[in-house]
Amino acid sequence: MKILLVHPKQSELMVGFTTLVQPEPLALESIAAGVLDRHEVLLVDKRVDPTPLEDVLDGFRPDLVGTTGYTTDVPNMMRICMAAKAWDPRVTTVVGGYHASLVPQDFDLPYVDFIVDGEGELTFKELVECLAARGDPSQVLGILFRQDGQQVATPHRPPVKSLDTLPRPARHLVDHYRKHYHFHFWDNVYVMETARGCPFRCNFCSVWVFHEGRYRVHRPERVVEELEQMETDTVCFLDDIFMETPSYAERIAELLQQRGIKKRYWAQLRSDNIVKRPDLMKKWAAVGMHSCLVGFEKFRQAELDNVEKWNTVANNEQAMGILHDLNIDMWGAFIVDPQYDDDDFNELISYVKAKGMAFPQFTILTPLPGTGLFKEKLHEITHFNPELFDFLHSVLPTKLPVERFYANMARLYRETQMGFLEVRRRIRDGRIPRSSLERIRGLMKSVTDQENYLKGLQTGLQEKFCEIGHHVRSHVRQEPKAGHGRVIDRVLGNHPISSQA
């Protein structure tokens, strides 16, 4: 079979960090790796490739078109499937990823043939082999498809027990795009995972739901072998929680040191893990840990408890000191509650400035589909446009007038970001490459302009989305269909853009 995998372009409504972060499409590279031995695969990244999809279809002439993405990608995922069916109705279309797995009803559409539920490597490979052999798709675990006008699900496929049984991502499929991929300040950045899932239960997060509460790791030896083969000086670990198992992270650091592998690393960490093992952070600093994102989330303990973070502000502040002493750049992530008033914004600004944080990151509390927060707040959601679920648009009612709320969001960034002299100093010290200055300017222009936040709320499509939102809220919660062993509830209703697709 000829398989076309398409990474959707980014939503035009997204604000901010898309300017600074554009990693390789690891998910599609991973599922491609499982079928390359018997099938021809073309991976197209619409974030960086301006070639019209119709021209790609004409040139490659695929038998199957697949795509994946998060909630904000849903409209463009649908457009990819629509374009494929318009080009040739016989083409098989497949979607996967977080949103498609957690809310498959959104893809219960005539132009979507199959939904891959959960991790895709094994399921996608089996589906492809089944279709190539003209077999019965109902025998493939972990998929949903339309039958007699209804969406049906095959028995659930549990997450793979050993990540090491999966092939390494087919990175060569995007070699011609490599110059376009960057992460924060650095170009030619590779991304990889050492682990999947998360053992914690934050109510705003869909990661642990998608991975069914499991946390699994690759063998340290495999991680280091893969790092050794990467032709780059900068690697970002995309684990949702790096260093969760200290002995595991320590072994990787030891192997890197033994083999003399020295790169620049970025990872996402919890503050309590940093505090528990400052010696381990020191080892990672020695082998190249350059910067990390730490989910502080809140600056007040009561708010931290409300999001079920299972952590403390005291840990956050102690972690700040440890990272500062080790000269590891810290991206501190804070969640802004839609119910914040002017005083709350002022207190958050004062807190961040007092801590001397060079790279604070502010996002708005967003009830992602599939999370506990979504079920809790479903009847409060004011906007069901999936493109607004980007963490910088509030889809919940704000206490302040909307214009004032977003003026405060812009002010958060304007008053807490490092100044020009600090940027110059970091360039001089080699902490920031001069080549990234335009991206930094683009980021700051985006997140400090109130109008960028408001533009998504002013689109002509918004009224239609709100009508569909009412339709969704009018239904009661439904459990997963028989035979489909997901651990989450499903939200009924067609997707808001289905009527315009």
Protein backbone atom coordinates (compact mmCIF):
# COMPACT_ATOMS: atom_id res chain seq x y z
CA MET A 1 0.00 0.00 0.00
CA LYS A 2 0.97 3.62 -0.49
CA ILE A 3 0.46 5.49 2.78
CA LEU A 4 0.35 9.27 3.10
CA LEU A 5 0.74 10.61 6.65
CA VAL A 6 -0.10 14.29 7.08
CA HIS A 7 0.68 16.49 10.05
CA PRO A 8 -1.98 19.25 10.06
CA LYS A 9 -1.01 22.88 9.82
CA GLN A 10 -1.42 24.97 12.94
CA SER A 11 -4.60 26.85 13.63
CA GLU A 12 -4.46 30.50 12.66
CA LEU A 13 -6.13 31.38 15.95
CA MET A 14 -3.32 30.06 18.13
CA VAL A 15 -1.43 32.63 20.17
CA GLY A 16 2.17 32.67 21.23
CA PHE A 17 4.44 29.70 21.66
CA THR A 18 3.83 28.19 18.23
CA THR A 19 6.31 30.86 17.14
CA LEU A 20 8.97 29.45 19.42
CA VAL A 21 8.22 25.72 19.35
CA GLN A 22 8.01 23.65 16.17
CA PRO A 23 9.26 20.10 16.76
CA GLU A 24 9.41 17.22 14.32
CA PRO A 25 6.17 15.15 14.07
CA LEU A 26 7.27 12.36 16.40
CA ALA A 27 3.86 10.64 16.54
CA LEU A 28 3.68 10.16 12.77
CA GLU A 29 7.34 9.14 12.61
CA SER A 30 6.57 6.49 15.21
CA ILE A 31 3.59 4.90 13.47
CA ALA A 32 5.37 5.09 10.11
CA ALA A 33 8.24 3.03 11.50
CA GLY A 34 5.96 0.02 11.95
CA VAL A 35 4.82 -0.18 8.32
CA LEU A 36 7.87 0.91 6.32
CA ASP A 37 9.15 -2.62 5.81
CA ARG A 38 6.19 -3.61 3.64
CA HIS A 39 4.62 -0.37 2.47
CA GLU A 40 5.62 2.92 0.87
CA VAL A 41 5.20 5.89 3.21
CA LEU A 42 5.27 9.62 2.54
CA LEU A 43 5.12 12.01 5.52
CA VAL A 44 4.01 15.56 4.78
CA ASP A 45 4.20 18.28 7.44
CA LYS A 46 1.70 21.00 6.58
CA ARG A 47 3.15 23.30 9.25
CA VAL A 48 6.21 23.83 7.04
CA ASP A 49 5.26 22.47 3.61
CA PRO A 50 3.22 24.92 1.48
CA THR A 51 2.51 22.37 -1.27
CA PRO A 52 -1.28 22.11 -1.75
CA LEU A 53 -2.54 18.80 -0.44
CA GLU A 54 -4.29 18.13 -3.75
CA ASP A 55 -0.90 18.31 -5.51
CA VAL A 56 0.58 15.89 -2.99
CA LEU A 57 -2.30 13.49 -3.59
CA ASP A 58 -1.90 13.78 -7.36
CA GLY A 59 1.82 13.12 -7.16
CA PHE A 60 1.88 10.30 -4.62
CA ARG A 61 -1.52 8.70 -5.29
CA PRO A 62 -1.97 7.08 -1.86
CA ASP A 63 -4.22 4.19 -0.92
CA LEU A 64 -4.48 5.45 2.66
CA VAL A 65 -4.27 8.90 4.23
CA GLY A 66 -3.65 9.24 7.97
CA THR A 67 -3.43 12.22 10.30
CA THR A 68 -3.21 12.96 14.01
CA GLY A 69 -3.37 15.91 16.38
CA TYR A 70 -4.64 17.57 19.52
CA THR A 71 -7.95 19.36 20.09
CA THR A 72 -6.82 22.53 18.31
CA ASP A 73 -5.92 20.42 15.26
CA VAL A 74 -9.37 18.84 14.87
CA PRO A 75 -10.71 21.14 12.11
CA ASN A 76 -7.57 20.73 10.01
CA MET A 77 -7.54 16.97 10.59
CA MET A 78 -11.07 16.88 9.24
CA ARG A 79 -10.11 18.98 6.24
CA ILE A 80 -7.30 16.55 5.42
CA CYS A 81 -9.75 13.63 5.41
CA MET A 82 -12.27 15.61 3.37
CA ALA A 83 -9.63 16.52 0.80
CA ALA A 84 -8.54 12.89 0.50
CA LYS A 85 -12.11 11.69 -0.10
CA ALA A 86 -12.77 14.52 -2.56
CA TRP A 87 -9.67 13.48 -4.50
CA ASP A 88 -10.71 9.82 -4.55
CA PRO A 89 -13.60 8.38 -2.50
CA ARG A 90 -11.85 5.01 -2.52
CA VAL A 91 -8.97 6.32 -0.39
CA THR A 92 -9.02 5.03 3.19
CA THR A 93 -8.82 7.79 5.82
CA VAL A 94 -7.51 7.20 9.34
CA VAL A 95 -7.27 9.58 12.32
CA GLY A 96 -5.63 9.16 15.70
CA GLY A 97 -4.12 11.05 18.61
CA TYR A 98 -5.37 12.49 21.87
CA HIS A 99 -8.62 14.09 20.75
CA ALA A 100 -9.68 11.30 18.42
CA SER A 101 -9.09 8.75 21.20
CA LEU A 102 -10.76 10.65 24.02
CA VAL A 103 -13.72 12.01 22.05
CA PRO A 104 -14.12 9.68 19.04
CA GLN A 105 -17.68 10.90 18.42
CA ASP A 106 -16.17 14.07 16.98
CA PHE A 107 -14.87 11.99 14.07
CA ASP A 108 -18.06 10.01 13.51
CA LEU A 109 -18.22 11.41 9.99
CA PRO A 110 -18.73 9.91 6.54
CA TYR A 111 -15.28 11.00 5.35
CA VAL A 112 -13.41 9.39 8.28
CA ASP A 113 -13.08 5.63 7.81
CA PHE A 114 -11.15 4.58 10.91
CA ILE A 115 -10.18 6.00 14.30
CA VAL A 116 -7.12 4.58 16.04
CA ASP A 117 -7.86 4.60 19.77
CA GLY A 118 -4.88 5.17 22.07
CA GLU A 119 -1.27 4.37 21.20
CA GLY A 120 -1.03 3.96 17.46
CA GLU A 121 2.02 1.91 16.58
CA LEU A 122 0.58 -1.60 16.90
CA THR A 123 -3.01 -0.74 16.01
CA PHE A 124 -2.09 1.21 12.88
CA LYS A 125 0.25 -1.53 11.69
CA GLU A 126 -2.40 -4.23 12.15
CA LEU A 127 -5.04 -2.09 10.45
CA VAL A 128 -2.77 -1.49 7.46
CA GLU A 129 -1.95 -5.19 7.14
CA CYS A 130 -5.64 -6.06 7.43
CA LEU A 131 -6.63 -3.60 4.70
CA ALA A 132 -3.77 -4.68 2.44
CA ALA A 133 -4.95 -8.30 2.74
CA ARG A 134 -8.60 -7.26 2.27
CA GLY A 135 -9.35 -8.67 5.71
CA ASP A 136 -12.02 -7.89 8.28
CA PRO A 137 -11.23 -4.64 10.20
CA SER A 138 -13.54 -5.70 13.03
CA GLN A 139 -10.81 -8.16 14.03
CA VAL A 140 -8.31 -5.35 14.67
CA LEU A 141 -8.16 -4.30 18.32
CA GLY A 142 -8.44 -0.65 19.27
CA ILE A 143 -10.24 0.94 16.35
CA LEU A 144 -13.59 2.61 15.70
CA PHE A 145 -15.35 2.79 12.36
CA ARG A 146 -18.75 3.40 10.80
CA GLN A 147 -21.04 0.45 10.15
CA ASP A 148 -24.57 0.86 8.85
CA GLY A 149 -24.38 4.58 9.61
CA GLN A 150 -23.33 4.02 13.24
CA GLN A 151 -19.96 4.30 14.95
CA VAL A 152 -18.82 0.94 16.31
CA ALA A 153 -15.75 0.00 18.31
CA THR A 154 -13.64 -3.14 18.39
CA PRO A 155 -12.37 -4.46 21.75
CA HIS A 156 -9.92 -2.12 23.40
CA ARG A 157 -6.18 -2.56 22.93
CA PRO A 158 -4.34 -1.90 26.20
CA PRO A 159 -1.15 0.18 26.14
CA VAL A 160 1.92 -1.79 25.09
CA LYS A 161 3.69 -3.28 28.10
CA SER A 162 7.25 -2.78 26.87
CA LEU A 163 8.07 0.36 24.91
CA ASP A 164 11.27 -1.33 23.76
CA THR A 165 9.26 -3.67 21.54
CA LEU A 166 8.35 -0.68 19.36
CA PRO A 167 10.60 0.38 16.47
CA ARG A 168 12.49 3.63 16.63
CA PRO A 169 10.79 6.60 14.95
CA ALA A 170 11.35 6.88 11.19
CA ARG A 171 13.06 10.26 11.47
CA HIS A 172 14.51 10.07 7.96
CA LEU A 173 11.03 10.72 6.55
CA VAL A 174 11.34 14.38 7.55
CA ASP A 175 15.03 14.96 6.81
CA HIS A 176 14.07 17.46 4.10
CA TYR A 177 12.10 19.46 6.68
CA ARG A 178 14.80 19.37 9.35
CA LYS A 179 15.90 22.98 8.90
CA HIS A 180 12.37 24.12 9.79
CA TYR A 181 12.25 22.38 13.17
CA HIS A 182 13.23 24.31 16.27
CA PHE A 183 12.52 24.30 19.96
CA HIS A 184 12.66 27.52 21.95
CA PHE A 185 15.94 29.19 20.95
CA TRP A 186 17.63 26.30 19.18
CA ASP A 187 17.62 25.08 15.58
CA ASN A 188 18.24 21.53 14.30
CA VAL A 189 16.57 20.14 17.40
CA TYR A 190 15.62 16.48 17.68
CA VAL A 191 12.87 15.32 20.01
CA MET A 192 12.49 11.93 21.66
CA GLU A 193 10.69 10.18 24.47
CA THR A 194 12.25 8.13 27.24
CA ALA A 195 8.89 7.43 28.87
CA ARG A 196 5.14 7.60 28.29
CA GLY A 197 2.30 8.53 30.58
CA CYS A 198 2.13 9.96 34.06
CA PRO A 199 1.30 8.44 37.47
CA PHE A 200 -0.34 11.64 38.73
CA ARG A 201 -3.97 12.72 38.34
CA CYS A 202 -4.10 16.47 37.65
CA ASN A 203 -7.71 17.21 36.77
CA PHE A 204 -6.80 19.53 33.87
CA CYS A 205 -4.50 17.05 32.11
CA SER A 206 -5.42 14.49 29.44
CA VAL A 207 -2.05 12.70 29.43
CA TRP A 208 -2.77 10.26 32.23
CA VAL A 209 -6.26 9.63 30.85
CA PHE A 210 -4.92 8.81 27.38
CA HIS A 211 -2.31 6.46 28.86
CA GLU A 212 -4.83 5.00 31.30
CA GLY A 213 -2.86 5.99 34.37
CA ARG A 214 0.23 4.04 33.36
CA TYR A 215 3.83 5.21 33.32
CA ARG A 216 6.33 3.22 31.23
CA VAL A 217 9.95 3.75 30.25
CA HIS A 218 12.40 2.68 27.57
CA ARG A 219 15.56 0.86 28.64
CA PRO A 220 18.29 3.41 29.48
CA GLU A 221 20.60 1.68 27.02
CA ARG A 222 18.13 2.15 24.18
CA VAL A 223 17.68 5.82 25.06
CA VAL A 224 21.41 6.46 25.01
CA GLU A 225 21.93 4.51 21.78
CA GLU A 226 19.28 6.65 20.11
CA LEU A 227 20.81 9.84 21.48
CA GLU A 228 24.22 8.77 20.22
CA GLN A 229 22.89 8.42 16.68
CA MET A 230 21.22 11.84 16.55
CA GLU A 231 23.07 14.33 14.37
CA THR A 232 22.34 17.30 16.57
CA ASP A 233 23.67 19.20 19.56
CA THR A 234 20.21 19.77 21.05
CA VAL A 235 17.64 17.20 22.16
CA CYS A 236 14.26 17.79 23.79
CA PHE A 237 12.80 14.99 25.88
CA LEU A 238 9.06 15.10 25.26
CA ASP A 239 8.22 12.89 28.23
CA ASP A 240 5.32 14.47 30.06
CA ILE A 241 7.23 13.90 33.27
CA PHE A 242 11.00 13.41 33.02
CA MET A 243 12.96 12.00 35.96
CA GLU A 244 9.88 10.47 37.60
CA THR A 245 11.92 7.34 38.40
CA PRO A 246 15.19 8.66 39.86
CA SER A 247 17.21 5.46 39.42
CA TYR A 248 16.20 5.35 35.76
CA ALA A 249 17.15 8.97 35.07
CA GLU A 250 20.39 8.46 36.99
CA ARG A 251 21.33 5.46 34.86
CA ILE A 252 20.81 7.45 31.65
CA ALA A 253 23.02 10.25 32.98
CA GLU A 254 25.71 7.72 33.93
CA LEU A 255 25.67 6.14 30.47
CA LEU A 256 25.89 9.54 28.80
CA GLN A 257 28.89 10.39 30.92
CA GLN A 258 30.57 7.02 30.32
CA ARG A 259 30.19 7.31 26.55
CA GLY A 260 31.20 10.95 26.44
CA ILE A 261 27.93 12.07 24.87
CA LYS A 262 27.48 15.76 25.55
CA LYS A 263 24.49 17.52 24.11
CA ARG A 264 22.17 20.30 25.16
CA TYR A 265 19.02 18.84 26.79
CA TRP A 266 15.54 20.17 27.57
CA ALA A 267 12.93 18.31 29.65
CA GLN A 268 9.65 18.72 31.54
CA LEU A 269 9.96 18.21 35.29
CA ARG A 270 7.92 18.29 38.48
CA SER A 271 9.28 20.50 41.23
CA ASP A 272 8.96 17.80 43.90
CA ASN A 273 11.21 15.48 41.88
CA ILE A 274 13.83 18.22 41.66
CA VAL A 275 13.64 18.80 45.41
CA LYS A 276 13.87 15.09 46.26
CA ARG A 277 17.05 14.61 44.25
CA PRO A 278 19.08 17.79 43.80
CA ASP A 279 22.12 15.53 43.40
CA LEU A 280 20.49 13.96 40.36
CA MET A 281 19.81 17.38 38.87
CA LYS A 282 23.50 18.15 39.39
CA LYS A 283 24.45 15.02 37.44
CA TRP A 284 22.14 16.02 34.61
CA ALA A 285 23.54 19.54 34.59
CA ALA A 286 26.98 17.98 34.18
CA VAL A 287 25.94 15.98 31.10
CA GLY A 288 24.15 18.88 29.42
CA MET A 289 20.75 19.68 30.94
CA HIS A 290 20.41 23.23 29.65
CA SER A 291 16.81 24.13 30.40
CA CYS A 292 13.55 22.65 31.60
CA LEU A 293 9.87 23.39 31.87
CA VAL A 294 8.53 23.05 35.40
CA GLY A 295 4.78 22.97 35.93
CA PHE A 296 4.46 25.17 38.99
CA GLU A 297 0.84 25.76 37.90
CA LYS A 298 -0.15 27.99 40.83
CA PHE A 299 1.46 30.44 43.22
CA ARG A 300 -1.07 29.84 46.02
CA GLN A 301 -1.44 26.49 47.76
CA ALA A 302 -5.24 26.44 47.77
CA GLU A 303 -5.31 26.83 44.00
CA LEU A 304 -2.67 24.13 43.59
CA ASP A 305 -4.83 21.77 45.63
CA ASN A 306 -7.88 22.60 43.51
CA VAL A 307 -6.22 21.29 40.34
CA GLU A 308 -5.13 18.11 42.17
CA LYS A 309 -1.45 18.66 41.44
CA TRP A 310 -0.35 16.72 44.54
CA ASN A 311 2.47 19.18 45.15
CA THR A 312 3.27 22.28 47.19
CA VAL A 313 4.26 25.88 46.57
CA ALA A 314 7.15 25.28 48.97
CA ASN A 315 8.49 22.59 46.64
CA ASN A 316 8.11 24.95 43.70
CA GLU A 317 10.15 27.65 45.38
CA GLN A 318 12.84 25.25 46.53
CA ALA A 319 13.12 23.85 43.00
CA MET A 320 13.59 27.37 41.64
CA GLY A 321 16.62 27.80 43.88
CA ILE A 322 18.14 24.45 42.90
CA LEU A 323 17.83 25.16 39.18
CA HIS A 324 19.23 28.66 39.62
CA ASP A 325 22.26 27.33 41.49
CA LEU A 326 22.90 24.76 38.74
CA ASN A 327 22.57 27.40 35.99
CA ILE A 328 19.72 25.48 34.36
CA ASP A 329 17.33 27.82 32.57
CA MET A 330 13.84 27.44 33.96
CA TRP A 331 10.59 27.85 32.06
CA GLY A 332 8.08 28.18 34.88
CA ALA A 333 4.52 27.34 33.85
CA PHE A 334 1.58 28.99 35.62
CA ILE A 335 -2.15 28.45 35.04
CA VAL A 336 -4.38 31.52 35.08
CA ASP A 337 -7.89 30.91 36.36
CA PRO A 338 -10.66 32.56 34.29
CA GLN A 339 -12.05 33.82 37.60
CA TYR A 340 -8.95 35.95 38.29
CA ASP A 341 -9.60 39.63 38.91
CA ASP A 342 -7.16 42.54 38.65
CA ASP A 343 -5.75 41.85 42.12
CA ASP A 344 -5.01 38.22 41.25
CA PHE A 345 -3.13 39.26 38.11
CA ASN A 346 -1.17 41.85 40.09
CA GLU A 347 -0.23 39.29 42.74
CA LEU A 348 0.92 36.79 40.11
CA ILE A 349 3.06 39.42 38.40
CA SER A 350 4.62 40.42 41.72
CA TYR A 351 5.29 36.79 42.62
CA VAL A 352 7.02 35.96 39.33
CA LYS A 353 9.13 39.12 39.39
CA ALA A 354 10.15 38.49 43.00
CA LYS A 355 11.39 35.01 42.07
CA GLY A 356 13.55 36.37 39.26
CA MET A 357 12.11 33.96 36.73
CA ALA A 358 13.63 34.52 33.28
CA PHE A 359 11.08 32.54 31.27
CA PRO A 360 7.63 32.47 32.88
CA GLN A 361 4.87 30.87 30.85
CA PHE A 362 1.21 31.68 31.46
CA THR A 363 -1.70 29.62 30.19
CA ILE A 364 -5.42 29.79 30.87
CA LEU A 365 -7.16 26.97 32.72
CA THR A 366 -8.68 24.95 29.88
CA PRO A 367 -11.06 21.99 30.27
CA LEU A 368 -9.58 19.69 27.64
CA PRO A 369 -11.99 17.04 26.33
CA GLY A 370 -11.44 13.77 28.13
CA THR A 371 -10.32 15.32 31.42
CA GLY A 372 -12.08 15.44 34.76
CA LEU A 373 -12.14 19.21 34.47
CA PHE A 374 -14.04 18.95 31.17
CA LYS A 375 -16.75 16.82 32.74
CA GLU A 376 -16.91 19.15 35.74
CA LYS A 377 -17.14 22.33 33.65
CA LEU A 378 -19.05 21.04 30.61
CA HIS A 379 -22.16 23.10 31.28
CA GLU A 380 -20.09 26.25 31.83
CA ILE A 381 -18.12 26.13 28.58
CA THR A 382 -18.92 29.17 26.47
CA HIS A 383 -16.97 28.34 23.31
CA PHE A 384 -16.82 24.91 21.66
CA ASN A 385 -14.61 25.96 18.75
CA PRO A 386 -11.78 23.39 19.11
CA GLU A 387 -9.24 25.91 17.86
CA LEU A 388 -9.82 27.98 21.00
CA PHE A 389 -8.67 25.15 23.29
CA ASP A 390 -5.08 26.39 22.92
CA PHE A 391 -4.58 27.44 26.58
CA LEU A 392 -4.45 31.11 25.66
CA HIS A 393 -8.16 31.62 24.98
CA SER A 394 -10.64 31.16 27.79
CA VAL A 395 -13.47 28.81 26.90
CA LEU A 396 -14.95 29.35 30.37
CA PRO A 397 -16.66 32.52 31.65
CA THR A 398 -14.26 35.17 32.93
CA LYS A 399 -14.89 37.16 36.08
CA LEU A 400 -13.54 40.30 34.44
CA PRO A 401 -14.97 41.70 31.23
CA VAL A 402 -13.38 39.73 28.40
CA GLU A 403 -11.37 42.68 27.05
CA ARG A 404 -9.95 43.42 30.49
CA PHE A 405 -9.13 39.79 31.16
CA TYR A 406 -7.05 39.57 27.98
CA ALA A 407 -5.46 42.95 28.64
CA ASN A 408 -4.23 41.41 31.88
CA MET A 409 -2.98 38.29 30.04
CA ALA A 410 -0.95 40.52 27.73
CA ARG A 411 0.30 42.47 30.74
CA LEU A 412 1.49 39.27 32.42
CA TYR A 413 3.97 38.71 29.63
CA ARG A 414 4.82 42.35 29.12
CA GLU A 415 5.74 42.94 32.76
CA THR A 416 7.51 39.67 33.59
CA GLN A 417 9.64 38.81 30.55
CA MET A 418 13.36 39.49 30.61
CA GLY A 419 14.39 42.79 29.07
CA PHE A 420 16.57 43.55 26.07
CA LEU A 421 19.75 43.87 28.13
CA GLU A 422 19.20 40.45 29.69
CA VAL A 423 18.66 38.93 26.24
CA ARG A 424 21.91 40.52 25.04
CA ARG A 425 23.76 39.15 28.06
CA ARG A 426 22.48 35.64 27.42
CA ILE A 427 23.49 35.87 23.78
CA ARG A 428 26.96 36.97 24.84
CA ASP A 429 27.18 34.08 27.33
CA GLY A 430 26.05 31.56 24.72
CA ARG A 431 22.77 30.77 26.49
CA ILE A 432 20.70 32.09 23.60
CA PRO A 433 21.82 31.91 19.95
CA ARG A 434 21.67 35.17 18.03
CA SER A 435 19.77 33.40 15.26
CA SER A 436 16.72 33.04 17.52
CA LEU A 437 16.18 36.77 18.04
CA GLU A 438 13.45 36.98 15.41
CA ARG A 439 11.53 34.11 17.02
CA ILE A 440 11.81 35.80 20.42
CA ARG A 441 10.51 39.05 18.96
CA GLY A 442 7.68 37.16 17.26
CA LEU A 443 6.71 35.45 20.51
CA MET A 444 6.71 38.66 22.51
CA LYS A 445 4.74 40.51 19.86
CA SER A 446 2.13 37.76 19.89
CA VAL A 447 1.62 37.27 23.62
CA THR A 448 1.77 40.95 24.61
CA ASP A 449 -0.88 42.10 22.11
CA GLN A 450 -4.40 41.98 23.55
CA GLU A 451 -5.91 41.86 20.06
CA ASN A 452 -4.29 38.50 19.33
CA TYR A 453 -6.30 36.95 22.16
CA LEU A 454 -9.53 38.59 21.07
CA LYS A 455 -9.36 37.72 17.38
CA GLY A 456 -10.40 34.12 17.92
CA LEU A 457 -13.54 35.24 19.69
CA GLN A 458 -14.48 37.54 16.83
CA THR A 459 -14.56 34.95 14.05
CA GLY A 460 -17.77 34.63 12.09
CA LEU A 461 -17.90 30.92 12.95
CA GLN A 462 -18.34 31.48 16.64
CA GLU A 463 -22.14 31.61 16.70
CA LYS A 464 -22.36 28.22 15.02
CA PHE A 465 -19.94 26.75 17.53
CA CYS A 466 -22.01 28.09 20.41
CA GLU A 467 -25.14 26.50 19.00
CA ILE A 468 -23.41 23.15 18.85
CA GLY A 469 -22.15 23.72 22.37
CA HIS A 470 -25.76 23.92 23.50
CA HIS A 471 -26.47 20.66 21.67
CA VAL A 472 -23.63 18.92 23.51
CA ARG A 473 -24.68 20.26 26.90
CA SER A 474 -28.24 19.07 26.39
CA HIS A 475 -27.19 15.42 26.46
CA VAL A 476 -26.50 13.29 29.48
CA ARG A 477 -23.15 11.59 29.97
CA GLN A 478 -22.75 8.22 28.28
CA GLU A 479 -20.41 5.38 29.18
CA PRO A 480 -18.19 3.82 26.47
CA LYS A 481 -19.94 1.45 24.11
CA ALA A 482 -19.99 -2.23 24.99
CA GLY A 483 -16.76 -3.99 24.17
CA HIS A 484 -14.76 -0.78 24.17
CA GLY A 485 -12.79 -0.78 27.41
CA ARG A 486 -11.82 2.86 27.77
CA VAL A 487 -11.57 4.25 31.27
CA ILE A 488 -13.23 7.56 30.45
CA ASP A 489 -16.72 8.83 29.83
CA ARG A 490 -17.73 9.92 26.36
CA VAL A 491 -19.34 13.21 25.45
CA LEU A 492 -22.21 12.90 23.01
CA GLY A 493 -22.82 15.07 19.97
CA ASN A 494 -21.46 15.78 16.52
CA HIS A 495 -18.36 17.87 16.16
CA PRO A 496 -19.00 21.60 15.86
CA ILE A 497 -17.52 21.92 12.39
CA SER A 498 -19.06 18.78 10.94
CA SER A 499 -21.87 20.77 9.35
CA GLN A 500 -19.43 22.90 7.37
CA ALA A 501 -17.13 20.04 6.39
